[in-house]
Full PDB file with SEQRES, HELIX, SHEET, SSBOND, CRYST1, ORIGX, SCALE, CONECT and MASTER records, all heavy atoms in Angstrom:
SEQRES   1 A   32  GLY TYR ALA LEU ALA LYS LEU ARG PRO ARG GLY GLY GLY          
SEQRES   2 A   32  VAL LEU GLY PHE LEU LEU LEU ALA ALA GLN MET ILE PRO          
SEQRES   3 A   32  GLY ILE ILE MET ALA MET                                      
HELIX    1 AA1 TYR A    2  TYR A    2  1                                   1    
HELIX    2 AA2 ALA A    3  LEU A    7  3                                   5    
HELIX    3 AA3 GLY A   12  ALA A   22  1                                  11    
HELIX    4 AA4 GLY A   27  ALA A   31  1                                   5    
CRYST1    1.000    1.000    1.000  90.00  90.00  90.00 P 1           1          
ORIGX1      1.000000  0.000000  0.000000        0.00000                         
ORIGX2      0.000000  1.000000  0.000000        0.00000                         
ORIGX3      0.000000  0.000000  1.000000        0.00000                         
SCALE1      1.000000  0.000000  0.000000        0.00000                         
SCALE2      0.000000  1.000000  0.000000        0.00000                         
SCALE3      0.000000  0.000000  1.000000        0.00000                         
ATOM      1  N   GLY A   1      -2.194  -4.646  12.244  1.00  0.00           N  
ATOM      2  CA  GLY A   1      -3.542  -4.270  12.264  1.00  0.00           C  
ATOM      3  C   GLY A   1      -4.433  -4.915  11.330  1.00  0.00           C  
ATOM      4  O   GLY A   1      -5.654  -5.412  11.618  1.00  0.00           O  
ATOM      5  N   TYR A   2      -3.922  -5.185  10.094  1.00  0.00           N  
ATOM      6  CA  TYR A   2      -4.752  -5.915   9.078  1.00  0.00           C  
ATOM      7  C   TYR A   2      -4.989  -7.406   9.541  1.00  0.00           C  
ATOM      8  O   TYR A   2      -6.086  -7.927   9.386  1.00  0.00           O  
ATOM      9  CB  TYR A   2      -3.960  -5.872   7.764  1.00  0.00           C  
ATOM     10  CG  TYR A   2      -4.597  -6.841   6.701  1.00  0.00           C  
ATOM     11  CD1 TYR A   2      -5.938  -6.630   6.288  1.00  0.00           C  
ATOM     12  CD2 TYR A   2      -3.868  -7.792   6.182  1.00  0.00           C  
ATOM     13  CE1 TYR A   2      -6.466  -7.415   5.332  1.00  0.00           C  
ATOM     14  CE2 TYR A   2      -4.365  -8.669   5.206  1.00  0.00           C  
ATOM     15  CZ  TYR A   2      -5.645  -8.458   4.785  1.00  0.00           C  
ATOM     16  OH  TYR A   2      -6.147  -9.224   3.774  1.00  0.00           O  
ATOM     17  N   ALA A   3      -3.933  -8.015  10.067  1.00  0.00           N  
ATOM     18  CA  ALA A   3      -4.051  -9.412  10.546  1.00  0.00           C  
ATOM     19  C   ALA A   3      -5.017  -9.497  11.731  1.00  0.00           C  
ATOM     20  O   ALA A   3      -5.923 -10.410  11.695  1.00  0.00           O  
ATOM     21  CB  ALA A   3      -2.700  -9.845  10.970  1.00  0.00           C  
ATOM     22  N   LEU A   4      -4.988  -8.551  12.666  1.00  0.00           N  
ATOM     23  CA  LEU A   4      -5.883  -8.662  13.703  1.00  0.00           C  
ATOM     24  C   LEU A   4      -7.381  -8.303  13.345  1.00  0.00           C  
ATOM     25  O   LEU A   4      -8.319  -8.867  13.919  1.00  0.00           O  
ATOM     26  CB  LEU A   4      -5.506  -7.659  14.819  1.00  0.00           C  
ATOM     27  CG  LEU A   4      -4.230  -8.016  15.694  1.00  0.00           C  
ATOM     28  CD1 LEU A   4      -3.898  -6.869  16.570  1.00  0.00           C  
ATOM     29  CD2 LEU A   4      -4.374  -9.281  16.388  1.00  0.00           C  
ATOM     30  N   ALA A   5      -7.517  -7.402  12.361  1.00  0.00           N  
ATOM     31  CA  ALA A   5      -8.870  -7.058  11.952  1.00  0.00           C  
ATOM     32  C   ALA A   5      -9.480  -7.969  10.982  1.00  0.00           C  
ATOM     33  O   ALA A   5     -10.737  -8.240  11.117  1.00  0.00           O  
ATOM     34  CB  ALA A   5      -8.768  -5.695  11.255  1.00  0.00           C  
ATOM     35  N   LYS A   6      -8.782  -8.603  10.076  1.00  0.00           N  
ATOM     36  CA  LYS A   6      -9.435  -9.374   9.110  1.00  0.00           C  
ATOM     37  C   LYS A   6      -9.011 -10.897   8.994  1.00  0.00           C  
ATOM     38  O   LYS A   6      -9.781 -11.710   8.579  1.00  0.00           O  
ATOM     39  CB  LYS A   6      -9.072  -8.765   7.637  1.00  0.00           C  
ATOM     40  CG  LYS A   6      -9.606  -7.431   7.447  1.00  0.00           C  
ATOM     41  CD  LYS A   6     -11.217  -7.438   7.498  1.00  0.00           C  
ATOM     42  CE  LYS A   6     -11.821  -6.138   7.291  1.00  0.00           C  
ATOM     43  NZ  LYS A   6     -13.293  -6.158   7.396  1.00  0.00           N  
ATOM     44  N   LEU A   7      -7.792 -11.187   9.439  1.00  0.00           N  
ATOM     45  CA  LEU A   7      -7.286 -12.609   9.376  1.00  0.00           C  
ATOM     46  C   LEU A   7      -7.694 -13.341  10.598  1.00  0.00           C  
ATOM     47  O   LEU A   7      -7.610 -14.660  10.615  1.00  0.00           O  
ATOM     48  CB  LEU A   7      -5.781 -12.604   9.060  1.00  0.00           C  
ATOM     49  CG  LEU A   7      -5.314 -11.839   7.854  1.00  0.00           C  
ATOM     50  CD1 LEU A   7      -3.884 -12.032   7.609  1.00  0.00           C  
ATOM     51  CD2 LEU A   7      -6.079 -12.430   6.563  1.00  0.00           C  
ATOM     52  N   ARG A   8      -7.986 -12.620  11.722  1.00  0.00           N  
ATOM     53  CA  ARG A   8      -8.403 -13.255  12.913  1.00  0.00           C  
ATOM     54  C   ARG A   8      -7.464 -14.373  13.392  1.00  0.00           C  
ATOM     55  O   ARG A   8      -7.788 -15.535  13.567  1.00  0.00           O  
ATOM     56  CB  ARG A   8      -9.841 -13.836  12.769  1.00  0.00           C  
ATOM     57  CG  ARG A   8     -10.829 -12.857  12.273  1.00  0.00           C  
ATOM     58  CD  ARG A   8     -11.097 -11.806  13.310  1.00  0.00           C  
ATOM     59  NE  ARG A   8     -12.214 -10.895  12.736  1.00  0.00           N  
ATOM     60  CZ  ARG A   8     -12.672  -9.881  13.444  1.00  0.00           C  
ATOM     61  NH1 ARG A   8     -12.152  -9.565  14.681  1.00  0.00           N  
ATOM     62  NH2 ARG A   8     -13.690  -9.119  13.016  1.00  0.00           N  
ATOM     63  N   PRO A   9      -6.195 -14.039  13.675  1.00  0.00           N  
ATOM     64  CA  PRO A   9      -5.252 -15.140  14.126  1.00  0.00           C  
ATOM     65  C   PRO A   9      -5.566 -15.586  15.603  1.00  0.00           C  
ATOM     66  O   PRO A   9      -6.274 -14.945  16.315  1.00  0.00           O  
ATOM     67  CB  PRO A   9      -3.906 -14.476  14.130  1.00  0.00           C  
ATOM     68  CG  PRO A   9      -4.156 -12.994  14.395  1.00  0.00           C  
ATOM     69  CD  PRO A   9      -5.616 -12.788  13.709  1.00  0.00           C  
ATOM     70  N   ARG A  10      -5.122 -16.757  15.897  1.00  0.00           N  
ATOM     71  CA  ARG A  10      -5.201 -17.299  17.233  1.00  0.00           C  
ATOM     72  C   ARG A  10      -4.537 -16.402  18.252  1.00  0.00           C  
ATOM     73  O   ARG A  10      -3.359 -15.966  17.976  1.00  0.00           O  
ATOM     74  CB  ARG A  10      -4.717 -18.753  17.291  1.00  0.00           C  
ATOM     75  CG  ARG A  10      -5.678 -19.779  16.825  1.00  0.00           C  
ATOM     76  CD  ARG A  10      -5.106 -21.141  17.235  1.00  0.00           C  
ATOM     77  NE  ARG A  10      -6.000 -22.195  16.865  1.00  0.00           N  
ATOM     78  CZ  ARG A  10      -5.820 -23.508  17.184  1.00  0.00           C  
ATOM     79  NH1 ARG A  10      -4.733 -23.881  17.665  1.00  0.00           N  
ATOM     80  NH2 ARG A  10      -6.726 -24.394  16.786  1.00  0.00           N  
ATOM     81  N   GLY A  11      -5.190 -16.097  19.304  1.00  0.00           N  
ATOM     82  CA  GLY A  11      -4.513 -15.275  20.371  1.00  0.00           C  
ATOM     83  C   GLY A  11      -4.547 -13.795  20.093  1.00  0.00           C  
ATOM     84  O   GLY A  11      -3.928 -12.965  20.660  1.00  0.00           O  
ATOM     85  N   GLY A  12      -5.473 -13.501  19.167  1.00  0.00           N  
ATOM     86  CA  GLY A  12      -5.627 -12.001  18.804  1.00  0.00           C  
ATOM     87  C   GLY A  12      -6.105 -11.218  19.981  1.00  0.00           C  
ATOM     88  O   GLY A  12      -5.675 -10.025  20.155  1.00  0.00           O  
ATOM     89  N   GLY A  13      -7.000 -11.675  20.717  1.00  0.00           N  
ATOM     90  CA  GLY A  13      -7.496 -10.991  21.869  1.00  0.00           C  
ATOM     91  C   GLY A  13      -6.510 -10.774  22.961  1.00  0.00           C  
ATOM     92  O   GLY A  13      -6.307  -9.641  23.450  1.00  0.00           O  
ATOM     93  N   VAL A  14      -5.559 -11.753  23.169  1.00  0.00           N  
ATOM     94  CA  VAL A  14      -4.409 -11.643  24.031  1.00  0.00           C  
ATOM     95  C   VAL A  14      -3.453 -10.596  23.618  1.00  0.00           C  
ATOM     96  O   VAL A  14      -2.972  -9.743  24.320  1.00  0.00           O  
ATOM     97  CB  VAL A  14      -3.815 -12.995  24.307  1.00  0.00           C  
ATOM     98  CG1 VAL A  14      -2.503 -12.830  25.214  1.00  0.00           C  
ATOM     99  CG2 VAL A  14      -4.810 -13.953  24.863  1.00  0.00           C  
ATOM    100  N   LEU A  15      -3.218 -10.642  22.209  1.00  0.00           N  
ATOM    101  CA  LEU A  15      -2.272  -9.693  21.719  1.00  0.00           C  
ATOM    102  C   LEU A  15      -2.803  -8.157  21.798  1.00  0.00           C  
ATOM    103  O   LEU A  15      -2.046  -7.332  22.113  1.00  0.00           O  
ATOM    104  CB  LEU A  15      -2.037  -9.899  20.204  1.00  0.00           C  
ATOM    105  CG  LEU A  15      -1.113  -9.006  19.438  1.00  0.00           C  
ATOM    106  CD1 LEU A  15       0.325  -9.041  20.144  1.00  0.00           C  
ATOM    107  CD2 LEU A  15      -0.919  -9.367  18.061  1.00  0.00           C  
ATOM    108  N   GLY A  16      -4.130  -8.012  21.651  1.00  0.00           N  
ATOM    109  CA  GLY A  16      -4.665  -6.659  21.880  1.00  0.00           C  
ATOM    110  C   GLY A  16      -4.587  -6.304  23.311  1.00  0.00           C  
ATOM    111  O   GLY A  16      -4.310  -4.992  23.494  1.00  0.00           O  
ATOM    112  N   PHE A  17      -4.741  -7.214  24.209  1.00  0.00           N  
ATOM    113  CA  PHE A  17      -4.480  -6.750  25.591  1.00  0.00           C  
ATOM    114  C   PHE A  17      -3.048  -6.410  25.941  1.00  0.00           C  
ATOM    115  O   PHE A  17      -2.804  -5.480  26.610  1.00  0.00           O  
ATOM    116  CB  PHE A  17      -4.925  -7.969  26.530  1.00  0.00           C  
ATOM    117  CG  PHE A  17      -4.754  -7.788  27.980  1.00  0.00           C  
ATOM    118  CD1 PHE A  17      -5.473  -6.881  28.761  1.00  0.00           C  
ATOM    119  CD2 PHE A  17      -3.556  -8.335  28.641  1.00  0.00           C  
ATOM    120  CE1 PHE A  17      -5.171  -6.714  30.106  1.00  0.00           C  
ATOM    121  CE2 PHE A  17      -3.286  -8.113  29.964  1.00  0.00           C  
ATOM    122  CZ  PHE A  17      -4.100  -7.255  30.645  1.00  0.00           C  
ATOM    123  N   LEU A  18      -2.162  -7.164  25.336  1.00  0.00           N  
ATOM    124  CA  LEU A  18      -0.757  -6.878  25.622  1.00  0.00           C  
ATOM    125  C   LEU A  18      -0.404  -5.535  24.940  1.00  0.00           C  
ATOM    126  O   LEU A  18       0.497  -4.787  25.475  1.00  0.00           O  
ATOM    127  CB  LEU A  18       0.100  -7.968  24.920  1.00  0.00           C  
ATOM    128  CG  LEU A  18       0.021  -9.319  25.663  1.00  0.00           C  
ATOM    129  CD1 LEU A  18       0.901 -10.384  24.882  1.00  0.00           C  
ATOM    130  CD2 LEU A  18       0.499  -9.239  27.101  1.00  0.00           C  
ATOM    131  N   LEU A  19      -1.043  -5.118  23.765  1.00  0.00           N  
ATOM    132  CA  LEU A  19      -0.741  -3.884  23.275  1.00  0.00           C  
ATOM    133  C   LEU A  19      -1.221  -2.736  24.073  1.00  0.00           C  
ATOM    134  O   LEU A  19      -0.555  -1.685  24.250  1.00  0.00           O  
ATOM    135  CB  LEU A  19      -1.428  -3.745  21.822  1.00  0.00           C  
ATOM    136  CG  LEU A  19      -0.780  -4.668  20.810  1.00  0.00           C  
ATOM    137  CD1 LEU A  19      -1.718  -4.611  19.504  1.00  0.00           C  
ATOM    138  CD2 LEU A  19       0.575  -4.187  20.374  1.00  0.00           C  
ATOM    139  N   LEU A  20      -2.308  -2.918  24.802  1.00  0.00           N  
ATOM    140  CA  LEU A  20      -2.859  -1.920  25.702  1.00  0.00           C  
ATOM    141  C   LEU A  20      -1.861  -1.867  26.949  1.00  0.00           C  
ATOM    142  O   LEU A  20      -1.593  -0.773  27.424  1.00  0.00           O  
ATOM    143  CB  LEU A  20      -4.327  -2.248  26.129  1.00  0.00           C  
ATOM    144  CG  LEU A  20      -5.335  -2.064  25.215  1.00  0.00           C  
ATOM    145  CD1 LEU A  20      -6.728  -2.637  25.734  1.00  0.00           C  
ATOM    146  CD2 LEU A  20      -5.588  -0.603  24.823  1.00  0.00           C  
ATOM    147  N   ALA A  21      -1.462  -3.051  27.482  1.00  0.00           N  
ATOM    148  CA  ALA A  21      -0.586  -2.994  28.600  1.00  0.00           C  
ATOM    149  C   ALA A  21       0.781  -2.344  28.314  1.00  0.00           C  
ATOM    150  O   ALA A  21       1.362  -1.690  29.084  1.00  0.00           O  
ATOM    151  CB  ALA A  21      -0.358  -4.463  29.070  1.00  0.00           C  
ATOM    152  N   ALA A  22       1.220  -2.485  27.005  1.00  0.00           N  
ATOM    153  CA  ALA A  22       2.509  -2.075  26.654  1.00  0.00           C  
ATOM    154  C   ALA A  22       2.508  -0.442  26.724  1.00  0.00           C  
ATOM    155  O   ALA A  22       3.662   0.128  27.053  1.00  0.00           O  
ATOM    156  CB  ALA A  22       2.899  -2.406  25.261  1.00  0.00           C  
ATOM    157  N   GLN A  23       1.431   0.175  26.540  1.00  0.00           N  
ATOM    158  CA  GLN A  23       1.279   1.592  26.598  1.00  0.00           C  
ATOM    159  C   GLN A  23       1.377   2.180  28.033  1.00  0.00           C  
ATOM    160  O   GLN A  23       1.412   3.354  28.194  1.00  0.00           O  
ATOM    161  CB  GLN A  23       0.013   2.154  25.892  1.00  0.00           C  
ATOM    162  CG  GLN A  23       0.037   1.709  24.400  1.00  0.00           C  
ATOM    163  CD  GLN A  23      -1.261   2.240  23.759  1.00  0.00           C  
ATOM    164  OE1 GLN A  23      -1.402   3.472  23.425  1.00  0.00           O  
ATOM    165  NE2 GLN A  23      -2.266   1.485  23.474  1.00  0.00           N  
ATOM    166  N   MET A  24       1.245   1.260  28.975  1.00  0.00           N  
ATOM    167  CA  MET A  24       1.182   1.707  30.366  1.00  0.00           C  
ATOM    168  C   MET A  24       2.601   1.567  31.007  1.00  0.00           C  
ATOM    169  O   MET A  24       2.797   2.008  32.191  1.00  0.00           O  
ATOM    170  CB  MET A  24       0.227   0.843  31.139  1.00  0.00           C  
ATOM    171  CG  MET A  24      -1.138   0.901  30.646  1.00  0.00           C  
ATOM    172  SD  MET A  24      -2.299  -0.176  31.551  1.00  0.00           S  
ATOM    173  CE  MET A  24      -3.777  -0.097  30.618  1.00  0.00           C  
ATOM    174  N   ILE A  25       3.599   1.025  30.288  1.00  0.00           N  
ATOM    175  CA  ILE A  25       4.916   0.983  30.725  1.00  0.00           C  
ATOM    176  C   ILE A  25       5.653   2.311  30.761  1.00  0.00           C  
ATOM    177  O   ILE A  25       5.673   2.981  29.813  1.00  0.00           O  
ATOM    178  CB  ILE A  25       5.827  -0.034  29.892  1.00  0.00           C  
ATOM    179  CG1 ILE A  25       5.138  -1.502  29.988  1.00  0.00           C  
ATOM    180  CG2 ILE A  25       7.247  -0.208  30.527  1.00  0.00           C  
ATOM    181  CD1 ILE A  25       5.742  -2.479  29.063  1.00  0.00           C  
ATOM    182  N   PRO A  26       6.209   2.838  31.892  1.00  0.00           N  
ATOM    183  CA  PRO A  26       6.882   4.056  31.903  1.00  0.00           C  
ATOM    184  C   PRO A  26       7.954   4.090  30.943  1.00  0.00           C  
ATOM    185  O   PRO A  26       8.796   3.151  30.834  1.00  0.00           O  
ATOM    186  CB  PRO A  26       7.283   4.204  33.357  1.00  0.00           C  
ATOM    187  CG  PRO A  26       6.390   3.360  34.161  1.00  0.00           C  
ATOM    188  CD  PRO A  26       6.162   2.150  33.199  1.00  0.00           C  
ATOM    189  N   GLY A  27       8.169   5.225  30.275  1.00  0.00           N  
ATOM    190  CA  GLY A  27       9.233   5.345  29.243  1.00  0.00           C  
ATOM    191  C   GLY A  27      10.597   5.226  29.852  1.00  0.00           C  
ATOM    192  O   GLY A  27      11.538   4.665  29.223  1.00  0.00           O  
ATOM    193  N   ILE A  28      10.824   5.637  31.093  1.00  0.00           N  
ATOM    194  CA  ILE A  28      12.144   5.599  31.751  1.00  0.00           C  
ATOM    195  C   ILE A  28      12.531   4.147  31.895  1.00  0.00           C  
ATOM    196  O   ILE A  28      13.753   3.699  31.721  1.00  0.00           O  
ATOM    197  CB  ILE A  28      12.230   6.367  33.030  1.00  0.00           C  
ATOM    198  CG1 ILE A  28      13.609   6.444  33.502  1.00  0.00           C  
ATOM    199  CG2 ILE A  28      11.262   5.761  34.067  1.00  0.00           C  
ATOM    200  CD1 ILE A  28      14.586   7.146  32.590  1.00  0.00           C  
ATOM    201  N   ILE A  29      11.639   3.252  32.241  1.00  0.00           N  
ATOM    202  CA  ILE A  29      11.886   1.873  32.402  1.00  0.00           C  
ATOM    203  C   ILE A  29      12.341   1.206  31.068  1.00  0.00           C  
ATOM    204  O   ILE A  29      13.298   0.453  30.990  1.00  0.00           O  
ATOM    205  CB  ILE A  29      10.716   1.087  32.951  1.00  0.00           C  
ATOM    206  CG1 ILE A  29      10.426   1.551  34.340  1.00  0.00           C  
ATOM    207  CG2 ILE A  29      10.989  -0.401  32.968  1.00  0.00           C  
ATOM    208  CD1 ILE A  29       9.273   0.942  35.035  1.00  0.00           C  
ATOM    209  N   MET A  30      11.604   1.543  29.935  1.00  0.00           N  
ATOM    210  CA  MET A  30      11.970   1.052  28.655  1.00  0.00           C  
ATOM    211  C   MET A  30      13.378   1.621  28.311  1.00  0.00           C  
ATOM    212  O   MET A  30      14.139   0.947  27.642  1.00  0.00           O  
ATOM    213  CB  MET A  30      10.893   1.550  27.656  1.00  0.00           C  
ATOM    214  CG  MET A  30       9.499   0.910  27.919  1.00  0.00           C  
ATOM    215  SD  MET A  30       8.305   1.417  26.740  1.00  0.00           S  
ATOM    216  CE  MET A  30       8.898   0.677  25.231  1.00  0.00           C  
ATOM    217  N   ALA A  31      13.568   2.859  28.628  1.00  0.00           N  
ATOM    218  CA  ALA A  31      14.927   3.475  28.267  1.00  0.00           C  
ATOM    219  C   ALA A  31      16.050   2.766  28.940  1.00  0.00           C  
ATOM    220  O   ALA A  31      17.108   2.543  28.301  1.00  0.00           O  
ATOM    221  CB  ALA A  31      14.921   4.939  28.705  1.00  0.00           C  
ATOM    222  N   MET A  32      15.875   2.368  30.199  1.00  0.00           N  
ATOM    223  CA  MET A  32      16.931   1.634  30.846  1.00  0.00           C  
ATOM    224  C   MET A  32      17.157   0.231  30.167  1.00  0.00           C  
ATOM    225  O   MET A  32      18.317  -0.269  30.043  1.00  0.00           O  
ATOM    226  CB  MET A  32      16.607   1.494  32.314  1.00  0.00           C  
ATOM    227  CG  MET A  32      16.551   2.644  33.145  1.00  0.00           C  
ATOM    228  SD  MET A  32      18.157   3.548  33.300  1.00  0.00           S  
ATOM    229  CE  MET A  32      18.021   4.785  32.030  1.00  0.00           C  
TER     230      MET A  32                                                      
MASTER        0    0    0    4    0    0    0    6  229    1    0    3          
END                                                                             
């Protein structure tokens, strides 16, 4: 979070989108 907020790395926007997408994956799929 510190890196995304203050260090502004390359691809930070893409990483934020991936974090949002990761929360939409059903738990049972991850469990398998």
